[in-house]
Amino acid sequence: MTLIDSRPGIKAVYELIADETGVEIDTDLVVSRLGPPLEHELSNWFEAEDVQQMADRYRELYADHAVLEVVTLPGASEAIAAVHAHRGRALVVTAKHPAHARRHVSHLGLPVDAVYGGVWQDGKAAVLRSESATAYVGDHVADVQAARSASVTAVAVATGPSHGTELADAGADVVLHSLVDFGEWLDEWLSSAQGCLGAHDLG
């Protein structure tokens, strides 16, 4: 819930899995707490020995039933353009499966410079360090923690599962209402901090 609203597609796939398995899954609850890796969520509904099988099935269904349901969030394209306008690189760093993340980026025509999928918390921090990132934009407290761990500016947007106060308490340097506010913030930040690279969660 940073660049895209993936809830409709994710909900659709979980409903298909519920139909196939007969397991009652509260899909509204699922999409209210997006962010962690798929296996984390599936462990709430399936026995541990079945989680990997269900994750594999989810990923089989995702391409055909989720990608076309996704739309960009307000300000997403403008945020990427703002990074490029300052000669920065816009990276997607997300827990979403790499192939799915790339499909979303391609389908929506998001002009990002690189996509890193399948990473969470410490994994995100490692990517940020390897890319010498100076800021990371995310919607989850774990995104803030990843930014802090990588010693980059933590920009939080209150468009996902974590509320503004939670993001601030987690150590976000700034909490934006949405990406609509990102361009103005970036102009001000660069004028004072001389940051040069932006990275974003996907959603």
N, C-alpha and C. Protein backbone atom coordinates (compact mmCIF):
# COMPACT_ATOMS: atom_id res chain seq x y z
N MET A 1 0.82 -1.20 0.00
CA MET A 1 0.00 0.00 0.00
C MET A 1 0.86 1.26 0.00
N THR A 2 1.98 1.19 -0.72
CA THR A 2 2.83 2.37 -0.86
C THR A 2 2.66 2.94 -2.26
N LEU A 3 3.01 2.17 -3.28
CA LEU A 3 2.83 2.61 -4.66
C LEU A 3 1.53 2.10 -5.27
N ILE A 4 1.09 0.91 -4.85
CA ILE A 4 -0.10 0.32 -5.46
C ILE A 4 -1.08 -0.15 -4.39
N ASP A 5 -2.34 -0.29 -4.80
CA ASP A 5 -3.35 -0.88 -3.93
C ASP A 5 -3.56 -2.32 -4.41
N SER A 6 -2.92 -3.24 -3.73
CA SER A 6 -2.96 -4.65 -4.15
C SER A 6 -4.06 -5.43 -3.44
N ARG A 7 -4.87 -4.76 -2.62
CA ARG A 7 -5.87 -5.47 -1.82
C ARG A 7 -6.90 -6.24 -2.64
N PRO A 8 -7.49 -5.66 -3.70
CA PRO A 8 -8.52 -6.42 -4.44
C PRO A 8 -7.99 -7.74 -5.01
N GLY A 9 -6.79 -7.70 -5.59
CA GLY A 9 -6.23 -8.91 -6.17
C GLY A 9 -5.87 -9.94 -5.13
N ILE A 10 -5.28 -9.50 -4.03
CA ILE A 10 -4.91 -10.43 -2.96
C ILE A 10 -6.15 -11.07 -2.36
N LYS A 11 -7.17 -10.27 -2.14
CA LYS A 11 -8.43 -10.79 -1.61
C LYS A 11 -9.01 -11.85 -2.55
N ALA A 12 -8.97 -11.60 -3.85
CA ALA A 12 -9.51 -12.54 -4.82
C ALA A 12 -8.77 -13.88 -4.77
N VAL A 13 -7.45 -13.83 -4.63
CA VAL A 13 -6.67 -15.07 -4.60
C VAL A 13 -6.96 -15.86 -3.32
N TYR A 14 -7.02 -15.16 -2.19
CA TYR A 14 -7.33 -15.86 -0.94
C TYR A 14 -8.73 -16.48 -0.99
N GLU A 15 -9.67 -15.83 -1.64
CA GLU A 15 -11.01 -16.40 -1.77
C GLU A 15 -10.98 -17.67 -2.61
N LEU A 16 -10.16 -17.69 -3.66
CA LEU A 16 -10.01 -18.89 -4.47
C LEU A 16 -9.40 -20.03 -3.65
N ILE A 17 -8.40 -19.71 -2.84
CA ILE A 17 -7.77 -20.72 -2.01
C ILE A 17 -8.75 -21.26 -0.97
N ALA A 18 -9.56 -20.37 -0.40
CA ALA A 18 -10.57 -20.80 0.56
C ALA A 18 -11.56 -21.75 -0.09
N ASP A 19 -11.98 -21.43 -1.32
CA ASP A 19 -12.92 -22.29 -2.04
C ASP A 19 -12.30 -23.65 -2.34
N GLU A 20 -11.04 -23.65 -2.74
CA GLU A 20 -10.36 -24.89 -3.10
C GLU A 20 -10.14 -25.81 -1.91
N THR A 21 -9.80 -25.21 -0.76
CA THR A 21 -9.39 -26.00 0.40
C THR A 21 -10.51 -26.23 1.40
N GLY A 22 -11.56 -25.41 1.33
CA GLY A 22 -12.62 -25.50 2.32
C GLY A 22 -12.27 -24.83 3.64
N VAL A 23 -11.15 -24.16 3.69
CA VAL A 23 -10.72 -23.45 4.90
C VAL A 23 -11.37 -22.07 4.91
N GLU A 24 -11.98 -21.70 6.03
CA GLU A 24 -12.59 -20.38 6.15
C GLU A 24 -11.50 -19.34 6.41
N ILE A 25 -11.32 -18.44 5.46
CA ILE A 25 -10.31 -17.39 5.57
C ILE A 25 -11.01 -16.05 5.59
N ASP A 26 -10.72 -15.25 6.59
CA ASP A 26 -11.29 -13.91 6.66
C ASP A 26 -10.46 -13.01 5.74
N THR A 27 -10.89 -12.90 4.51
CA THR A 27 -10.08 -12.19 3.51
C THR A 27 -10.05 -10.69 3.78
N ASP A 28 -11.07 -10.16 4.43
CA ASP A 28 -11.03 -8.74 4.80
C ASP A 28 -9.95 -8.49 5.85
N LEU A 29 -9.81 -9.41 6.78
CA LEU A 29 -8.75 -9.30 7.78
C LEU A 29 -7.39 -9.42 7.12
N VAL A 30 -7.27 -10.36 6.19
CA VAL A 30 -6.00 -10.55 5.48
C VAL A 30 -5.53 -9.25 4.84
N VAL A 31 -6.40 -8.60 4.09
CA VAL A 31 -5.97 -7.42 3.35
C VAL A 31 -5.86 -6.18 4.24
N SER A 32 -6.27 -6.31 5.50
CA SER A 32 -6.11 -5.18 6.42
C SER A 32 -4.73 -5.15 7.05
N ARG A 33 -3.95 -6.19 6.84
CA ARG A 33 -2.63 -6.26 7.49
C ARG A 33 -1.54 -6.72 6.52
N LEU A 34 -1.59 -6.22 5.32
CA LEU A 34 -0.58 -6.55 4.32
C LEU A 34 0.78 -5.98 4.70
N GLY A 35 1.81 -6.61 4.19
CA GLY A 35 3.17 -6.14 4.45
C GLY A 35 4.13 -7.30 4.63
N PRO A 36 3.92 -8.13 5.66
CA PRO A 36 4.83 -9.26 5.87
C PRO A 36 4.77 -10.27 4.73
N PRO A 37 5.77 -11.15 4.65
CA PRO A 37 5.78 -12.16 3.60
C PRO A 37 4.53 -13.04 3.61
N LEU A 38 4.19 -13.56 2.47
CA LEU A 38 3.00 -14.38 2.27
C LEU A 38 2.90 -15.51 3.29
N GLU A 39 4.01 -16.19 3.53
CA GLU A 39 4.00 -17.34 4.44
C GLU A 39 3.57 -16.95 5.85
N HIS A 40 3.87 -15.72 6.26
CA HIS A 40 3.46 -15.26 7.59
C HIS A 40 1.94 -15.25 7.69
N GLU A 41 1.29 -14.72 6.68
CA GLU A 41 -0.17 -14.64 6.71
C GLU A 41 -0.80 -16.03 6.59
N LEU A 42 -0.29 -16.86 5.69
CA LEU A 42 -0.86 -18.19 5.51
C LEU A 42 -0.78 -19.03 6.78
N SER A 43 0.22 -18.78 7.61
CA SER A 43 0.37 -19.56 8.85
C SER A 43 -0.77 -19.29 9.83
N ASN A 44 -1.53 -18.23 9.60
CA ASN A 44 -2.69 -17.96 10.44
C ASN A 44 -3.89 -18.83 10.07
N TRP A 45 -3.85 -19.45 8.89
CA TRP A 45 -5.00 -20.19 8.38
C TRP A 45 -4.73 -21.66 8.11
N PHE A 46 -3.45 -22.04 8.00
CA PHE A 46 -3.10 -23.42 7.67
C PHE A 46 -2.07 -23.96 8.66
N GLU A 47 -2.06 -25.27 8.80
CA GLU A 47 -1.05 -25.92 9.63
C GLU A 47 0.33 -25.68 9.03
N ALA A 48 1.33 -25.69 9.89
CA ALA A 48 2.69 -25.35 9.46
C ALA A 48 3.15 -26.21 8.29
N GLU A 49 2.78 -27.51 8.31
CA GLU A 49 3.26 -28.39 7.25
C GLU A 49 2.57 -28.13 5.91
N ASP A 50 1.50 -27.34 5.92
CA ASP A 50 0.78 -27.04 4.68
C ASP A 50 1.07 -25.65 4.11
N VAL A 51 1.79 -24.85 4.87
CA VAL A 51 1.98 -23.45 4.48
C VAL A 51 2.71 -23.32 3.15
N GLN A 52 3.78 -24.07 2.96
CA GLN A 52 4.56 -23.91 1.72
C GLN A 52 3.74 -24.33 0.51
N GLN A 53 2.97 -25.40 0.65
CA GLN A 53 2.11 -25.84 -0.45
C GLN A 53 1.09 -24.77 -0.79
N MET A 54 0.52 -24.14 0.22
CA MET A 54 -0.47 -23.09 -0.02
C MET A 54 0.18 -21.85 -0.61
N ALA A 55 1.42 -21.56 -0.20
CA ALA A 55 2.14 -20.43 -0.78
C ALA A 55 2.42 -20.66 -2.26
N ASP A 56 2.79 -21.88 -2.60
CA ASP A 56 3.03 -22.21 -4.00
C ASP A 56 1.73 -22.07 -4.81
N ARG A 57 0.62 -22.54 -4.25
CA ARG A 57 -0.65 -22.44 -4.95
C ARG A 57 -1.08 -20.99 -5.11
N TYR A 58 -0.89 -20.19 -4.07
CA TYR A 58 -1.20 -18.76 -4.13
C TYR A 58 -0.45 -18.11 -5.28
N ARG A 59 0.82 -18.42 -5.40
CA ARG A 59 1.64 -17.79 -6.43
C ARG A 59 1.24 -18.27 -7.82
N GLU A 60 0.76 -19.50 -7.92
CA GLU A 60 0.26 -19.99 -9.21
C GLU A 60 -0.98 -19.19 -9.64
N LEU A 61 -1.84 -18.88 -8.69
CA LEU A 61 -3.09 -18.18 -8.98
C LEU A 61 -2.91 -16.69 -9.17
N TYR A 62 -1.88 -16.15 -8.58
CA TYR A 62 -1.74 -14.70 -8.49
C TYR A 62 -1.67 -14.01 -9.85
N ALA A 63 -0.86 -14.53 -10.75
CA ALA A 63 -0.65 -13.85 -12.03
C ALA A 63 -1.95 -13.68 -12.81
N ASP A 64 -2.81 -14.70 -12.76
CA ASP A 64 -4.05 -14.65 -13.54
C ASP A 64 -5.20 -13.96 -12.83
N HIS A 65 -5.12 -13.88 -11.50
CA HIS A 65 -6.28 -13.40 -10.75
C HIS A 65 -6.03 -12.14 -9.93
N ALA A 66 -4.81 -11.65 -9.88
CA ALA A 66 -4.52 -10.50 -9.02
C ALA A 66 -3.93 -9.31 -9.74
N VAL A 67 -3.09 -9.54 -10.73
CA VAL A 67 -2.34 -8.43 -11.33
C VAL A 67 -3.26 -7.39 -11.95
N LEU A 68 -4.26 -7.83 -12.70
CA LEU A 68 -5.13 -6.88 -13.40
C LEU A 68 -6.05 -6.11 -12.46
N GLU A 69 -6.18 -6.57 -11.22
CA GLU A 69 -7.06 -5.91 -10.25
C GLU A 69 -6.39 -4.73 -9.55
N VAL A 70 -5.11 -4.57 -9.76
CA VAL A 70 -4.32 -3.60 -9.00
C VAL A 70 -4.27 -2.24 -9.69
N VAL A 71 -4.33 -1.18 -8.89
CA VAL A 71 -4.20 0.19 -9.41
C VAL A 71 -3.13 0.92 -8.60
N THR A 72 -2.57 1.96 -9.18
CA THR A 72 -1.61 2.78 -8.45
C THR A 72 -2.35 3.65 -7.43
N LEU A 73 -1.67 3.94 -6.35
CA LEU A 73 -2.22 4.84 -5.34
C LEU A 73 -1.99 6.29 -5.76
N PRO A 74 -2.83 7.20 -5.26
CA PRO A 74 -2.65 8.61 -5.61
C PRO A 74 -1.23 9.10 -5.30
N GLY A 75 -0.62 9.75 -6.27
CA GLY A 75 0.71 10.32 -6.08
C GLY A 75 1.85 9.39 -6.41
N ALA A 76 1.56 8.11 -6.74
CA ALA A 76 2.63 7.14 -6.97
C ALA A 76 3.50 7.53 -8.16
N SER A 77 2.87 7.75 -9.31
CA SER A 77 3.65 8.11 -10.50
C SER A 77 4.39 9.41 -10.31
N GLU A 78 3.74 10.36 -9.66
CA GLU A 78 4.37 11.67 -9.42
C GLU A 78 5.56 11.54 -8.47
N ALA A 79 5.47 10.61 -7.50
CA ALA A 79 6.59 10.42 -6.57
C ALA A 79 7.81 9.88 -7.30
N ILE A 80 7.59 8.93 -8.20
CA ILE A 80 8.71 8.40 -8.98
C ILE A 80 9.29 9.49 -9.87
N ALA A 81 8.43 10.28 -10.49
CA ALA A 81 8.89 11.37 -11.33
C ALA A 81 9.69 12.39 -10.53
N ALA A 82 9.28 12.62 -9.29
CA ALA A 82 9.99 13.59 -8.44
C ALA A 82 11.41 13.11 -8.16
N VAL A 83 11.56 11.80 -7.90
CA VAL A 83 12.90 11.25 -7.68
C VAL A 83 13.75 11.43 -8.93
N HIS A 84 13.18 11.12 -10.09
CA HIS A 84 13.93 11.25 -11.34
C HIS A 84 14.25 12.70 -11.66
N ALA A 85 13.36 13.60 -11.30
CA ALA A 85 13.61 15.01 -11.56
C ALA A 85 14.84 15.51 -10.82
N HIS A 86 15.15 14.87 -9.70
CA HIS A 86 16.34 15.23 -8.93
C HIS A 86 17.52 14.32 -9.25
N ARG A 87 17.41 13.61 -10.38
CA ARG A 87 18.49 12.73 -10.85
C ARG A 87 18.75 11.56 -9.91
N GLY A 88 17.72 11.16 -9.20
CA GLY A 88 17.82 10.00 -8.34
C GLY A 88 17.32 8.75 -9.04
N ARG A 89 17.49 7.61 -8.40
CA ARG A 89 16.98 6.34 -8.90
C ARG A 89 15.83 5.90 -8.01
N ALA A 90 14.76 5.46 -8.62
CA ALA A 90 13.60 4.97 -7.89
C ALA A 90 13.60 3.45 -7.91
N LEU A 91 13.74 2.86 -6.74
CA LEU A 91 13.81 1.41 -6.61
C LEU A 91 12.56 0.90 -5.91
N VAL A 92 12.09 -0.27 -6.31
CA VAL A 92 11.04 -0.96 -5.58
C VAL A 92 11.70 -2.04 -4.74
N VAL A 93 11.49 -1.99 -3.43
CA VAL A 93 12.05 -2.96 -2.49
C VAL A 93 10.89 -3.50 -1.67
N THR A 94 10.49 -4.74 -1.92
CA THR A 94 9.22 -5.24 -1.41
C THR A 94 9.29 -6.71 -0.99
N ALA A 95 8.40 -7.08 -0.07
CA ALA A 95 8.28 -8.48 0.32
C ALA A 95 7.53 -9.29 -0.72
N LYS A 96 6.85 -8.62 -1.64
CA LYS A 96 6.08 -9.33 -2.66
C LYS A 96 7.01 -10.19 -3.51
N HIS A 97 6.49 -11.33 -3.94
CA HIS A 97 7.26 -12.25 -4.78
C HIS A 97 7.88 -11.48 -5.95
N PRO A 98 9.17 -11.70 -6.25
CA PRO A 98 9.84 -10.90 -7.28
C PRO A 98 9.12 -10.87 -8.62
N ALA A 99 8.66 -12.02 -9.10
CA ALA A 99 7.98 -12.06 -10.40
C ALA A 99 6.68 -11.28 -10.36
N HIS A 100 5.96 -11.37 -9.26
CA HIS A 100 4.71 -10.63 -9.13
C HIS A 100 4.97 -9.14 -9.05
N ALA A 101 5.99 -8.75 -8.33
CA ALA A 101 6.34 -7.33 -8.22
C ALA A 101 6.67 -6.77 -9.60
N ARG A 102 7.44 -7.53 -10.38
CA ARG A 102 7.81 -7.07 -11.72
C ARG A 102 6.58 -6.99 -12.63
N ARG A 103 5.65 -7.95 -12.48
CA ARG A 103 4.42 -7.91 -13.28
C ARG A 103 3.61 -6.66 -12.97
N HIS A 104 3.50 -6.32 -11.70
CA HIS A 104 2.76 -5.12 -11.33
C HIS A 104 3.40 -3.87 -11.93
N VAL A 105 4.70 -3.78 -11.79
CA VAL A 105 5.42 -2.61 -12.31
C VAL A 105 5.23 -2.50 -13.82
N SER A 106 5.33 -3.63 -14.52
CA SER A 106 5.16 -3.64 -15.96
C SER A 106 3.73 -3.31 -16.36
N HIS A 107 2.76 -3.96 -15.72
CA HIS A 107 1.36 -3.75 -16.06
C HIS A 107 0.93 -2.31 -15.86
N LEU A 108 1.42 -1.68 -14.80
CA LEU A 108 1.03 -0.31 -14.48
C LEU A 108 1.93 0.73 -15.14
N GLY A 109 3.00 0.28 -15.80
CA GLY A 109 3.89 1.21 -16.48
C GLY A 109 4.65 2.12 -15.54
N LEU A 110 5.00 1.61 -14.37
CA LEU A 110 5.75 2.42 -13.41
C LEU A 110 7.22 2.48 -13.84
N PRO A 111 7.75 3.68 -14.08
CA PRO A 111 9.11 3.79 -14.61
C PRO A 111 10.19 3.73 -13.54
N VAL A 112 10.19 2.62 -12.77
CA VAL A 112 11.20 2.47 -11.73
C VAL A 112 12.49 1.95 -12.34
N ASP A 113 13.57 2.11 -11.60
CA ASP A 113 14.89 1.76 -12.13
C ASP A 113 15.33 0.34 -11.79
N ALA A 114 14.75 -0.24 -10.74
CA ALA A 114 15.07 -1.61 -10.37
C ALA A 114 13.98 -2.12 -9.44
N VAL A 115 13.80 -3.45 -9.44
CA VAL A 115 12.80 -4.08 -8.57
C VAL A 115 13.50 -5.18 -7.77
N TYR A 116 13.40 -5.08 -6.45
CA TYR A 116 13.90 -6.11 -5.55
C TYR A 116 12.71 -6.69 -4.79
N GLY A 117 12.37 -7.94 -5.08
CA GLY A 117 11.25 -8.58 -4.43
C GLY A 117 11.68 -9.67 -3.49
N GLY A 118 10.74 -10.14 -2.67
CA GLY A 118 11.01 -11.25 -1.76
C GLY A 118 11.89 -10.89 -0.59
N VAL A 119 11.93 -9.61 -0.22
CA VAL A 119 12.77 -9.20 0.92
C VAL A 119 11.89 -8.54 1.99
N TRP A 120 12.27 -8.74 3.23
CA TRP A 120 11.49 -8.25 4.36
C TRP A 120 12.42 -7.81 5.47
N GLN A 121 12.18 -6.69 6.05
CA GLN A 121 12.88 -6.13 7.19
C GLN A 121 14.40 -6.15 6.99
N ASP A 122 15.13 -7.11 7.58
CA ASP A 122 16.59 -7.12 7.42
C ASP A 122 16.98 -7.28 5.95
N GLY A 123 16.18 -8.04 5.19
CA GLY A 123 16.47 -8.18 3.77
C GLY A 123 16.33 -6.87 3.03
N LYS A 124 15.32 -6.09 3.39
CA LYS A 124 15.16 -4.77 2.79
C LYS A 124 16.33 -3.87 3.16
N ALA A 125 16.74 -3.94 4.42
CA ALA A 125 17.87 -3.12 4.86
C ALA A 125 19.13 -3.46 4.08
N ALA A 126 19.34 -4.75 3.81
CA ALA A 126 20.52 -5.17 3.06
C ALA A 126 20.50 -4.59 1.64
N VAL A 127 19.32 -4.60 1.01
CA VAL A 127 19.22 -4.03 -0.34
C VAL A 127 19.49 -2.53 -0.30
N LEU A 128 18.93 -1.84 0.67
CA LEU A 128 19.13 -0.40 0.78
C LEU A 128 20.61 -0.07 0.95
N ARG A 129 21.30 -0.86 1.76
CA ARG A 129 22.74 -0.63 1.94
C ARG A 129 23.50 -0.92 0.65
N SER A 130 23.13 -2.00 -0.03
CA SER A 130 23.87 -2.38 -1.24
C SER A 130 23.69 -1.35 -2.35
N GLU A 131 22.55 -0.66 -2.35
CA GLU A 131 22.27 0.34 -3.37
C GLU A 131 22.68 1.75 -2.92
N SER A 132 23.27 1.85 -1.74
CA SER A 132 23.65 3.16 -1.18
C SER A 132 22.46 4.12 -1.19
N ALA A 133 21.30 3.58 -0.83
CA ALA A 133 20.09 4.41 -0.78
C ALA A 133 20.21 5.46 0.30
N THR A 134 19.50 6.55 0.12
CA THR A 134 19.49 7.59 1.15
C THR A 134 18.12 7.77 1.76
N ALA A 135 17.07 7.18 1.16
CA ALA A 135 15.73 7.26 1.74
C ALA A 135 14.94 6.03 1.31
N TYR A 136 14.05 5.60 2.21
CA TYR A 136 13.15 4.49 1.89
C TYR A 136 11.73 4.88 2.28
N VAL A 137 10.81 4.70 1.34
CA VAL A 137 9.42 5.05 1.55
C VAL A 137 8.61 3.78 1.73
N GLY A 138 7.91 3.66 2.85
CA GLY A 138 7.11 2.46 3.09
C GLY A 138 5.89 2.76 3.92
N ASP A 139 5.03 1.75 4.08
CA ASP A 139 3.75 1.95 4.77
C ASP A 139 3.61 1.11 6.03
N HIS A 140 4.66 0.41 6.41
CA HIS A 140 4.59 -0.54 7.52
C HIS A 140 5.69 -0.22 8.53
N VAL A 141 5.44 -0.52 9.80
CA VAL A 141 6.46 -0.25 10.82
C VAL A 141 7.75 -1.01 10.50
N ALA A 142 7.63 -2.19 9.87
CA ALA A 142 8.83 -2.94 9.50
C ALA A 142 9.64 -2.22 8.43
N ASP A 143 8.97 -1.42 7.59
CA ASP A 143 9.68 -0.62 6.59
C ASP A 143 10.50 0.47 7.28
N VAL A 144 9.91 1.05 8.30
CA VAL A 144 10.63 2.07 9.08
C VAL A 144 11.85 1.43 9.74
N GLN A 145 11.66 0.25 10.31
CA GLN A 145 12.76 -0.44 10.97
C GLN A 145 13.86 -0.80 9.98
N ALA A 146 13.46 -1.20 8.76
CA ALA A 146 14.46 -1.51 7.74
C ALA A 146 15.27 -0.27 7.38
N ALA A 147 14.59 0.86 7.23
CA ALA A 147 15.28 2.11 6.92
C ALA A 147 16.25 2.49 8.03
N ARG A 148 15.78 2.37 9.29
CA ARG A 148 16.65 2.72 10.42
C ARG A 148 17.86 1.80 10.46
N SER A 149 17.64 0.51 10.21
CA SER A 149 18.75 -0.45 10.23
C SER A 149 19.78 -0.14 9.15
N ALA A 150 19.30 0.37 8.01
CA ALA A 150 20.20 0.69 6.90
C ALA A 150 20.75 2.11 7.00
N SER A 151 20.36 2.83 8.05
CA SER A 151 20.83 4.21 8.27
C SER A 151 20.44 5.13 7.12
N VAL A 152 19.20 4.96 6.61
CA VAL A 152 18.69 5.85 5.59
C VAL A 152 17.46 6.56 6.16
N THR A 153 17.06 7.65 5.52
CA THR A 153 15.89 8.40 5.97
C THR A 153 14.63 7.55 5.79
N ALA A 154 13.87 7.43 6.87
CA ALA A 154 12.65 6.63 6.86
C ALA A 154 11.45 7.53 6.58
N VAL A 155 10.90 7.38 5.38
CA VAL A 155 9.72 8.14 4.97
C VAL A 155 8.53 7.18 5.03
N ALA A 156 7.57 7.49 5.87
CA ALA A 156 6.41 6.62 6.02
C ALA A 156 5.18 7.28 5.41
N VAL A 157 4.35 6.47 4.78
CA VAL A 157 3.07 6.95 4.26
C VAL A 157 1.96 6.18 4.97
N ALA A 158 0.95 6.91 5.42
CA ALA A 158 -0.12 6.30 6.21
C ALA A 158 -1.23 5.77 5.30
N THR A 159 -0.84 4.97 4.31
CA THR A 159 -1.81 4.42 3.35
C THR A 159 -1.92 2.91 3.47
N GLY A 160 -1.22 2.32 4.44
CA GLY A 160 -1.22 0.87 4.59
C GLY A 160 -1.75 0.44 5.94
N PRO A 161 -1.26 -0.68 6.45
CA PRO A 161 -1.79 -1.24 7.69
C PRO A 161 -1.38 -0.51 8.96
N SER A 162 -0.31 0.26 8.89
CA SER A 162 0.20 0.96 10.08
C SER A 162 -0.30 2.40 10.10
N HIS A 163 -0.85 2.81 11.24
CA HIS A 163 -1.34 4.18 11.38
C HIS A 163 -0.17 5.15 11.57
N GLY A 164 -0.47 6.44 11.35
CA GLY A 164 0.56 7.46 11.44
C GLY A 164 1.30 7.46 12.76
N THR A 165 0.56 7.31 13.86
CA THR A 165 1.21 7.32 15.18
C THR A 165 2.12 6.11 15.34
N GLU A 166 1.71 4.96 14.83
CA GLU A 166 2.55 3.75 14.90
C GLU A 166 3.84 3.96 14.12
N LEU A 167 3.72 4.56 12.95
CA LEU A 167 4.89 4.81 12.11
C LEU A 167 5.85 5.79 12.77
N ALA A 168 5.29 6.81 13.36
CA ALA A 168 6.12 7.80 14.07
C ALA A 168 6.79 7.16 15.27
N ASP A 169 6.04 6.37 16.03
CA ASP A 169 6.61 5.71 17.21
C ASP A 169 7.70 4.71 16.83
N ALA A 170 7.60 4.16 15.62
CA ALA A 170 8.61 3.20 15.15
C ALA A 170 9.91 3.89 14.75
N GLY A 171 9.87 5.23 14.63
CA GLY A 171 11.09 5.97 14.32
C GLY A 171 11.13 6.60 12.95
N ALA A 172 9.97 6.72 12.29
CA ALA A 172 9.96 7.38 10.97
C ALA A 172 10.46 8.81 11.09
N ASP A 173 11.27 9.22 10.14
CA ASP A 173 11.76 10.60 10.12
C ASP A 173 10.65 11.56 9.72
N VAL A 174 9.74 11.07 8.88
CA VAL A 174 8.60 11.87 8.46
C VAL A 174 7.46 10.93 8.14
N VAL A 175 6.23 11.33 8.49
CA VAL A 175 5.04 10.55 8.15
C VAL A 175 4.17 11.42 7.24
N LEU A 176 3.95 10.93 6.02
CA LEU A 176 3.13 11.65 5.06
C LEU A 176 1.74 11.04 5.00
N HIS A 177 0.76 11.87 4.73
CA HIS A 177 -0.61 11.37 4.59
C HIS A 177 -0.70 10.40 3.42
N SER A 178 -0.03 10.72 2.32
CA SER A 178 0.03 9.85 1.15
C SER A 178 1.19 10.31 0.27
N LEU A 179 1.40 9.60 -0.82
CA LEU A 179 2.47 9.98 -1.75
C LEU A 179 2.18 11.30 -2.47
N VAL A 180 0.97 11.78 -2.38
CA VAL A 180 0.65 13.09 -2.97
C VAL A 180 1.53 14.16 -2.35
N ASP A 181 1.93 13.95 -1.09
CA ASP A 181 2.75 14.93 -0.38
C ASP A 181 4.25 14.71 -0.57
N PHE A 182 4.61 13.65 -1.29
CA PHE A 182 6.02 13.28 -1.35
C PHE A 182 6.89 14.28 -2.10
N GLY A 183 6.42 14.75 -3.24
CA GLY A 183 7.24 15.65 -4.06
C GLY A 183 7.66 16.91 -3.31
N GLU A 184 6.71 17.50 -2.62
CA GLU A 184 7.04 18.72 -1.85
C GLU A 184 8.02 18.40 -0.74
N TRP A 185 7.79 17.27 -0.06
CA TRP A 185 8.73 16.90 1.00
C TRP A 185 10.11 16.67 0.42
N LEU A 186 10.21 15.97 -0.72
CA LEU A 186 11.50 15.66 -1.32
C LEU A 186 12.26 16.93 -1.68
N ASP A 187 11.57 17.90 -2.25
CA ASP A 187 12.22 19.17 -2.60
C ASP A 187 12.86 19.81 -1.37
N GLU A 188 12.10 19.82 -0.28
CA GLU A 188 12.59 20.45 0.96
C GLU A 188 13.74 19.64 1.55
N TRP A 189 13.60 18.33 1.53
CA TRP A 189 14.63 17.47 2.11
C TRP A 189 15.94 17.57 1.35
N LEU A 190 15.85 17.54 0.03
CA LEU A 190 17.07 17.63 -0.78
C LEU A 190 17.76 18.97 -0.63
N SER A 191 16.99 20.01 -0.45
CA SER A 191 17.61 21.33 -0.30
C SER A 191 18.39 21.44 0.99
N SER A 192 18.03 20.61 1.97
CA SER A 192 18.73 20.69 3.26
C SER A 192 19.67 19.52 3.51
N ALA A 193 19.32 18.32 2.98
CA ALA A 193 20.08 17.12 3.30
C ALA A 193 20.92 16.59 2.14
N GLN A 194 20.65 17.06 0.93
CA GLN A 194 21.40 16.60 -0.23
C GLN A 194 21.31 15.10 -0.44
N GLY A 195 20.11 14.55 -0.21
CA GLY A 195 19.90 13.13 -0.52
C GLY A 195 19.92 12.94 -2.03
N CYS A 196 20.16 11.69 -2.48
CA CYS A 196 20.29 11.51 -3.92
C CYS A 196 19.59 10.28 -4.46
N LEU A 197 19.02 9.43 -3.62
CA LEU A 197 18.44 8.21 -4.14
C LEU A 197 17.19 7.87 -3.37
N GLY A 198 16.15 7.42 -4.07
CA GLY A 198 14.92 7.04 -3.39
C GLY A 198 14.59 5.58 -3.62
N ALA A 199 14.03 4.94 -2.62
CA ALA A 199 13.56 3.57 -2.74
C ALA A 199 12.15 3.49 -2.17
N HIS A 200 11.32 2.66 -2.77
CA HIS A 200 9.93 2.55 -2.36
C HIS A 200 9.52 1.11 -2.14
N ASP A 201 8.66 0.91 -1.15
CA ASP A 201 7.95 -0.34 -1.02
C ASP A 201 6.94 -0.37 -2.16
N LEU A 202 6.39 -1.57 -2.47
CA LEU A 202 5.40 -1.65 -3.55
C LEU A 202 3.98 -1.62 -2.99
N GLY A 203 3.62 -2.64 -2.23
CA GLY A 203 2.27 -2.65 -1.70
C GLY A 203 1.66 -4.02 -1.75
